[in-house]
Every structure is written in C-alpha cells, then in structure tokens.
C-alpha cells in the first residue's frame, strides 16, 4: 500500500555562485525533478533561524510523493538525474537527502 513520503534535500551553492544557484534551482531544477521523477510537489526554503545543533546547509528543497517502497524514492531520483540539466552552481559534494514516511494523520488547528 502506497504511503505518503516527504523528501528533504539540503543543498548549498558553489562558492561565489549564489545568484546562479538560486536561479537554476527555482527556475529550472524543481520543475525538471517533477517532470522526470515520481515526486508530486516541490518547494524551496532558506534557513533563517535555528536552535540546537546547527543545520549543516542553508537551503532545503521539500518534495512530496506516495510510494510503496521508500528505497525506491531516492533510487528513482538518482536514476533520472541524467534527464535533468546539471549546474556547477550546485555544490553536489555537500548535498544531503532524507526520505520520511508518514506514520500518522495530519493534525490541524481547529477554526
């Protein structure tokens, strides 16, 4: 049975290429990822505040998908990489990825 998953990708630009990185990620990369994978939504965030252990990278891409096997989520993302344009502005050496599986219902504040 397919479950909902969140895919969290932490990234940073290559030194001195912040503007190119943000343009590439927002105006090309997210849409290409959605077009070439089983991921269904994509949105970016920038770290602006933190508490506790330091976040290792300043940018987060958050994707949503449904899948029977969470291992297949990252496998699909990696296998489809050649179908997407790559940019030297993205520091691929430091990027990190996690897949989280839904384990309970969404709680919402009552109106």
PDB file of N, CA and C in Angstrom:
ATOM      1  N   UNK A   1       0.839  -1.180   0.000  1.00  0.00           N
ATOM      2  CA  UNK A   1       0.000   0.000   0.000  1.00  0.00           C
ATOM      3  C   UNK A   1       0.889   1.249   0.000  1.00  0.00           C
ATOM      4  N   UNK A   2       0.617   2.141  -0.897  1.00  0.00           N
ATOM      5  CA  UNK A   2       1.419   3.363  -1.016  1.00  0.00           C
ATOM      6  C   UNK A   2       1.198   4.267   0.187  1.00  0.00           C
ATOM      7  N   UNK A   3       2.302   4.814   0.678  1.00  0.00           N
ATOM      8  CA  UNK A   3       2.264   5.762   1.787  1.00  0.00           C
ATOM      9  C   UNK A   3       2.826   7.098   1.320  1.00  0.00           C
ATOM     10  N   UNK A   4       2.447   8.143   2.025  1.00  0.00           N
ATOM     11  CA  UNK A   4       2.941   9.486   1.733  1.00  0.00           C
ATOM     12  C   UNK A   4       4.352   9.627   2.290  1.00  0.00           C
ATOM     13  N   UNK A   5       5.219  10.254   1.490  1.00  0.00           N
ATOM     14  CA  UNK A   5       6.603  10.484   1.901  1.00  0.00           C
ATOM     15  C   UNK A   5       6.991  11.938   1.656  1.00  0.00           C
ATOM     16  N   UNK A   6       7.823  12.462   2.540  1.00  0.00           N
ATOM     17  CA  UNK A   6       8.460  13.746   2.340  1.00  0.00           C
ATOM     18  C   UNK A   6       9.924  13.481   2.037  1.00  0.00           C
ATOM     19  N   UNK A   7      10.424  14.132   1.007  1.00  0.00           N
ATOM     20  CA  UNK A   7      11.830  14.020   0.638  1.00  0.00           C
ATOM     21  C   UNK A   7      12.469  15.374   0.937  1.00  0.00           C
ATOM     22  N   UNK A   8      13.471  15.371   1.791  1.00  0.00           N
ATOM     23  CA  UNK A   8      14.160  16.593   2.181  1.00  0.00           C
ATOM     24  C   UNK A   8      15.559  16.568   1.587  1.00  0.00           C
ATOM     25  N   UNK A   9      15.882  17.593   0.828  1.00  0.00           N
ATOM     26  CA  UNK A   9      17.192  17.721   0.208  1.00  0.00           C
ATOM     27  C   UNK A   9      17.829  19.012   0.720  1.00  0.00           C
ATOM     28  N   UNK A  10      18.956  18.897   1.390  1.00  0.00           N
ATOM     29  CA  UNK A  10      19.702  20.064   1.839  1.00  0.00           C
ATOM     30  C   UNK A  10      20.819  20.332   0.842  1.00  0.00           C
ATOM     31  N   UNK A  11      20.972  21.593   0.462  1.00  0.00           N
ATOM     32  CA  UNK A  11      21.986  21.967  -0.522  1.00  0.00           C
ATOM     33  C   UNK A  11      22.614  23.310  -0.170  1.00  0.00           C
ATOM     34  N   UNK A  12      23.648  23.631  -0.923  1.00  0.00           N
ATOM     35  CA  UNK A  12      24.285  24.940  -0.848  1.00  0.00           C
ATOM     36  C   UNK A  12      24.881  25.246  -2.210  1.00  0.00           C
ATOM     37  N   UNK A  13      25.064  26.525  -2.504  1.00  0.00           N
ATOM     38  CA  UNK A  13      25.691  26.884  -3.775  1.00  0.00           C
ATOM     39  C   UNK A  13      27.194  26.657  -3.726  1.00  0.00           C
ATOM     40  N   UNK A  14      27.779  26.488  -4.889  1.00  0.00           N
ATOM     41  CA  UNK A  14      29.225  26.510  -5.014  1.00  0.00           C
ATOM     42  C   UNK A  14      29.672  27.926  -4.655  1.00  0.00           C
ATOM     43  N   UNK A  15      30.807  28.053  -3.997  1.00  0.00           N
ATOM     44  CA  UNK A  15      31.265  29.360  -3.518  1.00  0.00           C
ATOM     45  C   UNK A  15      31.224  30.418  -4.621  1.00  0.00           C
ATOM     46  N   UNK A  16      30.598  31.552  -4.300  1.00  0.00           N
ATOM     47  CA  UNK A  16      30.523  32.682  -5.216  1.00  0.00           C
ATOM     48  C   UNK A  16      29.447  32.565  -6.276  1.00  0.00           C
ATOM     49  N   UNK A  17      28.614  31.520  -6.222  1.00  0.00           N
ATOM     50  CA  UNK A  17      27.603  31.325  -7.258  1.00  0.00           C
ATOM     51  C   UNK A  17      26.186  31.313  -6.701  1.00  0.00           C
ATOM     52  N   UNK A  18      25.945  32.110  -5.679  1.00  0.00           N
ATOM     53  CA  UNK A  18      24.623  32.137  -5.034  1.00  0.00           C
ATOM     54  C   UNK A  18      23.508  32.503  -6.009  1.00  0.00           C
ATOM     55  N   UNK A  19      23.681  33.559  -6.770  1.00  0.00           N
ATOM     56  CA  UNK A  19      22.621  34.012  -7.688  1.00  0.00           C
ATOM     57  C   UNK A  19      22.335  32.956  -8.747  1.00  0.00           C
ATOM     58  N   UNK A  20      23.369  32.371  -9.336  1.00  0.00           N
ATOM     59  CA  UNK A  20      23.186  31.335 -10.354  1.00  0.00           C
ATOM     60  C   UNK A  20      22.491  30.107  -9.750  1.00  0.00           C
ATOM     61  N   UNK A  21      22.902  29.729  -8.547  1.00  0.00           N
ATOM     62  CA  UNK A  21      22.322  28.586  -7.850  1.00  0.00           C
ATOM     63  C   UNK A  21      20.829  28.798  -7.632  1.00  0.00           C
ATOM     64  N   UNK A  22      20.447  29.957  -7.087  1.00  0.00           N
ATOM     65  CA  UNK A  22      19.036  30.214  -6.816  1.00  0.00           C
ATOM     66  C   UNK A  22      18.213  30.283  -8.098  1.00  0.00           C
ATOM     67  N   UNK A  23      18.754  30.880  -9.141  1.00  0.00           N
ATOM     68  CA  UNK A  23      18.052  30.935 -10.423  1.00  0.00           C
ATOM     69  C   UNK A  23      17.871  29.535 -11.000  1.00  0.00           C
ATOM     70  N   UNK A  24      18.929  28.758 -11.014  1.00  0.00           N
ATOM     71  CA  UNK A  24      18.878  27.380 -11.530  1.00  0.00           C
ATOM     72  C   UNK A  24      17.866  26.550 -10.750  1.00  0.00           C
ATOM     73  N   UNK A  25      17.954  26.573  -9.439  1.00  0.00           N
ATOM     74  CA  UNK A  25      17.110  25.708  -8.616  1.00  0.00           C
ATOM     75  C   UNK A  25      15.633  26.078  -8.757  1.00  0.00           C
ATOM     76  N   UNK A  26      15.346  27.376  -8.670  1.00  0.00           N
ATOM     77  CA  UNK A  26      13.945  27.818  -8.679  1.00  0.00           C
ATOM     78  C   UNK A  26      13.326  27.811 -10.071  1.00  0.00           C
ATOM     79  N   UNK A  27      14.075  28.179 -11.082  1.00  0.00           N
ATOM     80  CA  UNK A  27      13.507  28.356 -12.420  1.00  0.00           C
ATOM     81  C   UNK A  27      13.710  27.189 -13.366  1.00  0.00           C
ATOM     82  N   UNK A  28      14.462  26.179 -12.946  1.00  0.00           N
ATOM     83  CA  UNK A  28      14.688  25.027 -13.817  1.00  0.00           C
ATOM     84  C   UNK A  28      14.612  23.708 -13.051  1.00  0.00           C
ATOM     85  N   UNK A  29      15.430  23.583 -12.016  1.00  0.00           N
ATOM     86  CA  UNK A  29      15.624  22.289 -11.369  1.00  0.00           C
ATOM     87  C   UNK A  29      14.347  21.687 -10.783  1.00  0.00           C
ATOM     88  N   UNK A  30      13.600  22.453  -9.999  1.00  0.00           N
ATOM     89  CA  UNK A  30      12.402  21.891  -9.368  1.00  0.00           C
ATOM     90  C   UNK A  30      11.426  21.335 -10.394  1.00  0.00           C
ATOM     91  N   UNK A  31      11.184  22.076 -11.456  1.00  0.00           N
ATOM     92  CA  UNK A  31      10.256  21.609 -12.489  1.00  0.00           C
ATOM     93  C   UNK A  31      10.797  20.390 -13.225  1.00  0.00           C
ATOM     94  N   UNK A  32      12.100  20.357 -13.465  1.00  0.00           N
ATOM     95  CA  UNK A  32      12.689  19.174 -14.103  1.00  0.00           C
ATOM     96  C   UNK A  32      12.595  17.943 -13.204  1.00  0.00           C
ATOM     97  N   UNK A  33      12.801  18.121 -11.917  1.00  0.00           N
ATOM     98  CA  UNK A  33      12.659  16.992 -10.989  1.00  0.00           C
ATOM     99  C   UNK A  33      11.233  16.458 -11.033  1.00  0.00           C
ATOM    100  N   UNK A  34      10.252  17.348 -10.987  1.00  0.00           N
ATOM    101  CA  UNK A  34       8.858  16.903 -11.035  1.00  0.00           C
ATOM    102  C   UNK A  34       8.530  16.208 -12.349  1.00  0.00           C
ATOM    103  N   UNK A  35       9.115  16.677 -13.447  1.00  0.00           N
ATOM    104  CA  UNK A  35       8.829  16.096 -14.760  1.00  0.00           C
ATOM    105  C   UNK A  35       9.503  14.737 -14.974  1.00  0.00           C
ATOM    106  N   UNK A  36      10.574  14.455 -14.253  1.00  0.00           N
ATOM    107  CA  UNK A  36      11.360  13.241 -14.528  1.00  0.00           C
ATOM    108  C   UNK A  36      11.301  12.197 -13.426  1.00  0.00           C
ATOM    109  N   UNK A  37      10.584  12.472 -12.343  1.00  0.00           N
ATOM    110  CA  UNK A  37      10.524  11.519 -11.226  1.00  0.00           C
ATOM    111  C   UNK A  37       9.077  11.252 -10.845  1.00  0.00           C
ATOM    112  N   UNK A  38       8.905  10.467  -9.791  1.00  0.00           N
ATOM    113  CA  UNK A  38       7.578  10.202  -9.240  1.00  0.00           C
ATOM    114  C   UNK A  38       7.192  11.208  -8.151  1.00  0.00           C
ATOM    115  N   UNK A  39       8.026  12.212  -7.943  1.00  0.00           N
ATOM    116  CA  UNK A  39       7.722  13.237  -6.946  1.00  0.00           C
ATOM    117  C   UNK A  39       6.587  14.115  -7.465  1.00  0.00           C
ATOM    118  N   UNK A  40       5.706  14.545  -6.556  1.00  0.00           N
ATOM    119  CA  UNK A  40       4.477  15.229  -6.974  1.00  0.00           C
ATOM    120  C   UNK A  40       4.451  16.719  -6.688  1.00  0.00           C
ATOM    121  N   UNK A  41       5.156  17.168  -5.649  1.00  0.00           N
ATOM    122  CA  UNK A  41       5.226  18.596  -5.343  1.00  0.00           C
ATOM    123  C   UNK A  41       6.655  18.949  -4.966  1.00  0.00           C
ATOM    124  N   UNK A  42       6.994  20.226  -5.126  1.00  0.00           N
ATOM    125  CA  UNK A  42       8.335  20.696  -4.780  1.00  0.00           C
ATOM    126  C   UNK A  42       8.249  22.136  -4.299  1.00  0.00           C
ATOM    127  N   UNK A  43       9.031  22.449  -3.278  1.00  0.00           N
ATOM    128  CA  UNK A  43       9.097  23.812  -2.768  1.00  0.00           C
ATOM    129  C   UNK A  43      10.441  24.009  -2.088  1.00  0.00           C
ATOM    130  N   UNK A  44      10.988  25.225  -2.216  1.00  0.00           N
ATOM    131  CA  UNK A  44      12.285  25.552  -1.601  1.00  0.00           C
ATOM    132  C   UNK A  44      12.115  26.426  -0.367  1.00  0.00           C
ATOM    133  N   UNK A  45      13.093  26.291   0.522  1.00  0.00           N
ATOM    134  CA  UNK A  45      13.153  27.084   1.734  1.00  0.00           C
ATOM    135  C   UNK A  45      14.603  27.464   2.000  1.00  0.00           C
ATOM    136  N   UNK A  46      14.786  28.600   2.683  1.00  0.00           N
ATOM    137  CA  UNK A  46      16.121  29.045   3.084  1.00  0.00           C
ATOM    138  C   UNK A  46      16.151  29.136   4.602  1.00  0.00           C
ATOM    139  N   UNK A  47      17.200  28.632   5.213  1.00  0.00           N
ATOM    140  CA  UNK A  47      17.375  28.680   6.655  1.00  0.00           C
ATOM    141  C   UNK A  47      17.485  30.133   7.120  1.00  0.00           C
ATOM    142  N   UNK A  48      16.663  30.522   8.073  1.00  0.00           N
ATOM    143  CA  UNK A  48      16.708  31.881   8.588  1.00  0.00           C
ATOM    144  C   UNK A  48      16.887  31.948  10.102  1.00  0.00           C
ATOM    145  N   UNK A  49      16.672  30.845  10.807  1.00  0.00           N
ATOM    146  CA  UNK A  49      16.837  30.817  12.258  1.00  0.00           C
ATOM    147  C   UNK A  49      16.996  29.369  12.678  1.00  0.00           C
ATOM    148  N   UNK A  50      17.661  29.145  13.801  1.00  0.00           N
ATOM    149  CA  UNK A  50      17.834  27.777  14.265  1.00  0.00           C
ATOM    150  C   UNK A  50      18.074  27.749  15.770  1.00  0.00           C
ATOM    151  N   UNK A  51      17.846  26.578  16.349  1.00  0.00           N
ATOM    152  CA  UNK A  51      18.120  26.325  17.761  1.00  0.00           C
ATOM    153  C   UNK A  51      18.669  24.915  17.859  1.00  0.00           C
ATOM    154  N   UNK A  52      19.493  24.666  18.839  1.00  0.00           N
ATOM    155  CA  UNK A  52      20.075  23.336  18.975  1.00  0.00           C
ATOM    156  C   UNK A  52      21.228  23.153  18.015  1.00  0.00           C
ATOM    157  N   UNK A  53      21.414  21.932  17.566  1.00  0.00           N
ATOM    158  CA  UNK A  53      22.520  21.621  16.657  1.00  0.00           C
ATOM    159  C   UNK A  53      22.372  22.404  15.353  1.00  0.00           C
ATOM    160  N   UNK A  54      23.470  22.907  14.852  1.00  0.00           N
ATOM    161  CA  UNK A  54      23.443  23.719  13.632  1.00  0.00           C
ATOM    162  C   UNK A  54      23.039  22.900  12.420  1.00  0.00           C
ATOM    163  N   UNK A  55      22.196  23.492  11.602  1.00  0.00           N
ATOM    164  CA  UNK A  55      21.838  22.888  10.320  1.00  0.00           C
ATOM    165  C   UNK A  55      23.068  22.967   9.420  1.00  0.00           C
ATOM    166  N   UNK A  56      23.444  21.871   8.763  1.00  0.00           N
ATOM    167  CA  UNK A  56      24.694  21.871   8.007  1.00  0.00           C
ATOM    168  C   UNK A  56      24.673  22.655   6.697  1.00  0.00           C
ATOM    169  N   UNK A  57      23.495  22.880   6.117  1.00  0.00           N
ATOM    170  CA  UNK A  57      23.406  23.558   4.828  1.00  0.00           C
ATOM    171  C   UNK A  57      22.222  24.526   4.835  1.00  0.00           C
ATOM    172  N   UNK A  58      22.301  25.623   4.090  1.00  0.00           N
ATOM    173  CA  UNK A  58      21.305  26.683   4.213  1.00  0.00           C
ATOM    174  C   UNK A  58      20.028  26.535   3.389  1.00  0.00           C
ATOM    175  N   UNK A  59      19.993  25.638   2.407  1.00  0.00           N
ATOM    176  CA  UNK A  59      18.815  25.543   1.535  1.00  0.00           C
ATOM    177  C   UNK A  59      18.167  24.171   1.642  1.00  0.00           C
ATOM    178  N   UNK A  60      16.836  24.184   1.670  1.00  0.00           N
ATOM    179  CA  UNK A  60      16.047  22.962   1.738  1.00  0.00           C
ATOM    180  C   UNK A  60      15.104  22.914   0.549  1.00  0.00           C
ATOM    181  N   UNK A  61      15.098  21.797  -0.148  1.00  0.00           N
ATOM    182  CA  UNK A  61      14.062  21.516  -1.141  1.00  0.00           C
ATOM    183  C   UNK A  61      13.194  20.422  -0.533  1.00  0.00           C
ATOM    184  N   UNK A  62      11.896  20.669  -0.479  1.00  0.00           N
ATOM    185  CA  UNK A  62      10.951  19.732   0.117  1.00  0.00           C
ATOM    186  C   UNK A  62      10.047  19.198  -0.984  1.00  0.00           C
ATOM    187  N   UNK A  63      10.059  17.885  -1.142  1.00  0.00           N
ATOM    188  CA  UNK A  63       9.249  17.220  -2.155  1.00  0.00           C
ATOM    189  C   UNK A  63       8.263  16.289  -1.461  1.00  0.00           C
ATOM    190  N   UNK A  64       7.121  16.065  -2.087  1.00  0.00           N
ATOM    191  CA  UNK A  64       6.139  15.112  -1.582  1.00  0.00           C
ATOM    192  C   UNK A  64       5.872  14.062  -2.650  1.00  0.00           C
ATOM    193  N   UNK A  65       5.614  12.835  -2.184  1.00  0.00           N
ATOM    194  CA  UNK A  65       5.286  11.756  -3.103  1.00  0.00           C
ATOM    195  C   UNK A  65       4.557  10.661  -2.346  1.00  0.00           C
ATOM    196  N   UNK A  66       4.021   9.715  -3.079  1.00  0.00           N
ATOM    197  CA  UNK A  66       3.496   8.494  -2.491  1.00  0.00           C
ATOM    198  C   UNK A  66       4.268   7.334  -3.106  1.00  0.00           C
ATOM    199  N   UNK A  67       4.540   6.328  -2.292  1.00  0.00           N
ATOM    200  CA  UNK A  67       5.312   5.180  -2.771  1.00  0.00           C
ATOM    201  C   UNK A  67       5.049   3.981  -1.877  1.00  0.00           C
ATOM    202  N   UNK A  68       5.166   2.798  -2.468  1.00  0.00           N
ATOM    203  CA  UNK A  68       5.067   1.562  -1.697  1.00  0.00           C
ATOM    204  C   UNK A  68       6.371   1.302  -0.942  1.00  0.00           C
ATOM    205  N   UNK A  69       7.488   1.640  -1.567  1.00  0.00           N
ATOM    206  CA  UNK A  69       8.807   1.345  -1.020  1.00  0.00           C
ATOM    207  C   UNK A  69       9.634   2.629  -0.952  1.00  0.00           C
ATOM    208  N   UNK A  70       9.961   3.116   0.246  1.00  0.00           N
ATOM    209  CA  UNK A  70      10.714   4.360   0.358  1.00  0.00           C
ATOM    210  C   UNK A  70      12.107   4.294  -0.275  1.00  0.00           C
ATOM    211  N   UNK A  71      12.685   3.122  -0.366  1.00  0.00           N
ATOM    212  CA  UNK A  71      14.002   2.977  -1.008  1.00  0.00           C
ATOM    213  C   UNK A  71      13.907   3.383  -2.478  1.00  0.00           C
ATOM    214  N   UNK A  72      12.776   3.107  -3.092  1.00  0.00           N
ATOM    215  CA  UNK A  72      12.578   3.435  -4.499  1.00  0.00           C
ATOM    216  C   UNK A  72      12.513   4.942  -4.752  1.00  0.00           C
ATOM    217  N   UNK A  73      12.157   5.712  -3.742  1.00  0.00           N
ATOM    218  CA  UNK A  73      12.036   7.159  -3.911  1.00  0.00           C
ATOM    219  C   UNK A  73      13.392   7.770  -4.278  1.00  0.00           C
ATOM    220  N   UNK A  74      14.419   7.512  -3.470  1.00  0.00           N
ATOM    221  CA  UNK A  74      15.751   8.046  -3.775  1.00  0.00           C
ATOM    222  C   UNK A  74      16.368   7.356  -4.982  1.00  0.00           C
ATOM    223  N   UNK A  75      16.091   6.069  -5.142  1.00  0.00           N
ATOM    224  CA  UNK A  75      16.600   5.343  -6.309  1.00  0.00           C
ATOM    225  C   UNK A  75      16.088   6.000  -7.592  1.00  0.00           C
ATOM    226  N   UNK A  76      14.798   6.319  -7.638  1.00  0.00           N
ATOM    227  CA  UNK A  76      14.207   6.971  -8.799  1.00  0.00           C
ATOM    228  C   UNK A  76      14.821   8.346  -9.025  1.00  0.00           C
ATOM    229  N   UNK A  77      15.028   9.099  -7.963  1.00  0.00           N
ATOM    230  CA  UNK A  77      15.625  10.428  -8.067  1.00  0.00           C
ATOM    231  C   UNK A  77      17.034  10.338  -8.651  1.00  0.00           C
ATOM    232  N   UNK A  78      17.806   9.375  -8.192  1.00  0.00           N
ATOM    233  CA  UNK A  78      19.178   9.211  -8.688  1.00  0.00           C
ATOM    234  C   UNK A  78      19.229   8.671 -10.123  1.00  0.00           C
ATOM    235  N   UNK A  79      18.375   7.711 -10.435  1.00  0.00           N
ATOM    236  CA  UNK A  79      18.389   7.123 -11.778  1.00  0.00           C
ATOM    237  C   UNK A  79      17.957   8.099 -12.860  1.00  0.00           C
ATOM    238  N   UNK A  80      17.126   9.065 -12.509  1.00  0.00           N
ATOM    239  CA  UNK A  80      16.626  10.021 -13.502  1.00  0.00           C
ATOM    240  C   UNK A  80      17.505  11.270 -13.622  1.00  0.00           C
ATOM    241  N   UNK A  81      18.545  11.365 -12.810  1.00  0.00           N
ATOM    242  CA  UNK A  81      19.419  12.556 -12.830  1.00  0.00           C
ATOM    243  C   UNK A  81      19.930  12.895 -14.228  1.00  0.00           C
ATOM    244  N   UNK A  82      20.354  11.923 -15.058  1.00  0.00           N
ATOM    245  CA  UNK A  82      20.852  12.274 -16.396  1.00  0.00           C
ATOM    246  C   UNK A  82      19.814  12.967 -17.288  1.00  0.00           C
ATOM    247  N   UNK A  83      18.543  12.869 -16.951  1.00  0.00           N
ATOM    248  CA  UNK A  83      17.491  13.508 -17.734  1.00  0.00           C
ATOM    249  C   UNK A  83      17.332  14.989 -17.409  1.00  0.00           C
ATOM    250  N   UNK A  84      18.039  15.450 -16.378  1.00  0.00           N
ATOM    251  CA  UNK A  84      17.918  16.840 -15.939  1.00  0.00           C
ATOM    252  C   UNK A  84      19.210  17.596 -16.196  1.00  0.00           C
ATOM    253  N   UNK A  85      19.095  18.878 -16.499  1.00  0.00           N
ATOM    254  CA  UNK A  85      20.275  19.719 -16.662  1.00  0.00           C
ATOM    255  C   UNK A  85      20.966  19.875 -15.312  1.00  0.00           C
ATOM    256  N   UNK A  86      22.274  19.807 -15.324  1.00  0.00           N
ATOM    257  CA  UNK A  86      23.060  19.975 -14.114  1.00  0.00           C
ATOM    258  C   UNK A  86      23.719  21.348 -14.139  1.00  0.00           C
ATOM    259  N   UNK A  87      24.011  21.884 -12.969  1.00  0.00           N
ATOM    260  CA  UNK A  87      24.635  23.198 -12.868  1.00  0.00           C
ATOM    261  C   UNK A  87      25.828  23.126 -11.934  1.00  0.00           C
ATOM    262  N   UNK A  88      26.920  23.746 -12.343  1.00  0.00           N
ATOM    263  CA  UNK A  88      28.097  23.827 -11.484  1.00  0.00           C
ATOM    264  C   UNK A  88      27.849  24.731 -10.284  1.00  0.00           C
ATOM    265  N   UNK A  89      26.766  25.490 -10.290  1.00  0.00           N
ATOM    266  CA  UNK A  89      26.457  26.369  -9.157  1.00  0.00           C
ATOM    267  C   UNK A  89      25.943  25.578  -7.953  1.00  0.00           C
ATOM    268  N   UNK A  90      25.510  24.340  -8.159  1.00  0.00           N
ATOM    269  CA  UNK A  90      25.049  23.467  -7.085  1.00  0.00           C
ATOM    270  C   UNK A  90      26.228  22.647  -6.582  1.00  0.00           C
ATOM    271  N   UNK A  91      26.547  22.782  -5.312  1.00  0.00           N
ATOM    272  CA  UNK A  91      27.652  22.037  -4.717  1.00  0.00           C
ATOM    273  C   UNK A  91      27.191  20.603  -4.452  1.00  0.00           C
ATOM    274  N   UNK A  92      27.406  19.709  -5.398  1.00  0.00           N
ATOM    275  CA  UNK A  92      26.965  18.320  -5.282  1.00  0.00           C
ATOM    276  C   UNK A  92      27.759  17.546  -4.233  1.00  0.00           C
ATOM    277  N   UNK A  93      28.923  18.030  -3.892  1.00  0.00           N
ATOM    278  CA  UNK A  93      29.772  17.351  -2.906  1.00  0.00           C
ATOM    279  C   UNK A  93      29.151  17.385  -1.510  1.00  0.00           C
ATOM    280  N   UNK A  94      28.418  18.450  -1.196  1.00  0.00           N
ATOM    281  CA  UNK A  94      27.895  18.607   0.164  1.00  0.00           C
ATOM    282  C   UNK A  94      26.406  18.296   0.305  1.00  0.00           C
ATOM    283  N   UNK A  95      25.686  18.099  -0.784  1.00  0.00           N
ATOM    284  CA  UNK A  95      24.244  17.863  -0.720  1.00  0.00           C
ATOM    285  C   UNK A  95      23.894  16.624   0.082  1.00  0.00           C
ATOM    286  N   UNK A  96      22.706  16.649   0.684  1.00  0.00           N
ATOM    287  CA  UNK A  96      22.237  15.536   1.518  1.00  0.00           C
ATOM    288  C   UNK A  96      20.759  15.309   1.253  1.00  0.00           C
ATOM    289  N   UNK A  97      20.305  14.059   1.447  1.00  0.00           N
ATOM    290  CA  UNK A  97      18.898  13.737   1.182  1.00  0.00           C
ATOM    291  C   UNK A  97      18.364  12.769   2.226  1.00  0.00           C
ATOM    292  N   UNK A  98      17.085  12.961   2.576  1.00  0.00           N
ATOM    293  CA  UNK A  98      16.388  12.082   3.507  1.00  0.00           C
ATOM    294  C   UNK A  98      14.972  11.848   2.983  1.00  0.00           C
ATOM    295  N   UNK A  99      14.447  10.657   3.245  1.00  0.00           N
ATOM    296  CA  UNK A  99      13.053  10.341   2.933  1.00  0.00           C
ATOM    297  C   UNK A  99      12.356  10.009   4.249  1.00  0.00           C
ATOM    298  N   UNK A 100      11.275  10.731   4.538  1.00  0.00           N
ATOM    299  CA  UNK A 100      10.485  10.492   5.731  1.00  0.00           C
ATOM    300  C   UNK A 100       9.139   9.929   5.309  1.00  0.00           C
ATOM    301  N   UNK A 101       8.693   8.879   6.006  1.00  0.00           N
ATOM    302  CA  UNK A 101       7.416   8.239   5.708  1.00  0.00           C
ATOM    303  C   UNK A 101       6.365   8.682   6.719  1.00  0.00           C
ATOM    304  N   UNK A 102       5.192   8.980   6.217  1.00  0.00           N
ATOM    305  CA  UNK A 102       4.059   9.361   7.061  1.00  0.00           C
ATOM    306  C   UNK A 102       3.718   8.211   8.011  1.00  0.00           C
ATOM    307  N   UNK A 103       3.568   8.529   9.299  1.00  0.00           N
ATOM    308  CA  UNK A 103       3.218   7.485  10.264  1.00  0.00           C
ATOM    309  C   UNK A 103       1.940   7.800  11.027  1.00  0.00           C
ATOM    310  N   UNK A 104       1.377   8.941  10.787  1.00  0.00           N
ATOM    311  CA  UNK A 104       0.139   9.308  11.469  1.00  0.00           C
ATOM    312  C   UNK A 104      -0.603  10.349  10.670  1.00  0.00           C
ATOM    313  N   UNK A 105      -1.825  10.672  11.097  1.00  0.00           N
ATOM    314  CA  UNK A 105      -2.619  11.656  10.367  1.00  0.00           C
ATOM    315  C   UNK A 105      -2.103  13.068  10.590  1.00  0.00           C
ATOM    316  N   UNK A 106      -2.450  13.948   9.688  1.00  0.00           N
ATOM    317  CA  UNK A 106      -2.112  15.367   9.816  1.00  0.00           C
ATOM    318  C   UNK A 106      -3.048  15.988  10.850  1.00  0.00           C
ATOM    319  N   UNK A 107      -2.471  16.720  11.783  1.00  0.00           N
ATOM    320  CA  UNK A 107      -3.250  17.425  12.793  1.00  0.00           C
ATOM    321  C   UNK A 107      -3.360  18.880  12.356  1.00  0.00           C
ATOM    322  N   UNK A 108      -4.553  19.417  12.468  1.00  0.00           N
ATOM    323  CA  UNK A 108      -4.776  20.805  12.085  1.00  0.00           C
ATOM    324  C   UNK A 108      -5.424  21.567  13.222  1.00  0.00           C
ATOM    325  N   UNK A 109      -5.086  22.818  13.331  1.00  0.00           N
ATOM    326  CA  UNK A 109      -5.647  23.689  14.352  1.00  0.00           C
ATOM    327  C   UNK A 109      -7.133  23.910  14.037  1.00  0.00           C
ATOM    328  N   UNK A 110      -7.999  23.722  15.018  1.00  0.00           N
ATOM    329  CA  UNK A 110      -9.425  23.959  14.779  1.00  0.00           C
ATOM    330  C   UNK A 110      -9.693  25.436  14.473  1.00  0.00           C
ATOM    331  N   UNK A 111     -10.682  25.655  13.650  1.00  0.00           N
ATOM    332  CA  UNK A 111     -11.057  27.044  13.295  1.00  0.00           C
ATOM    333  C   UNK A 111     -11.982  27.607  14.329  1.00  0.00           C
TER     334      UNK A 111
END
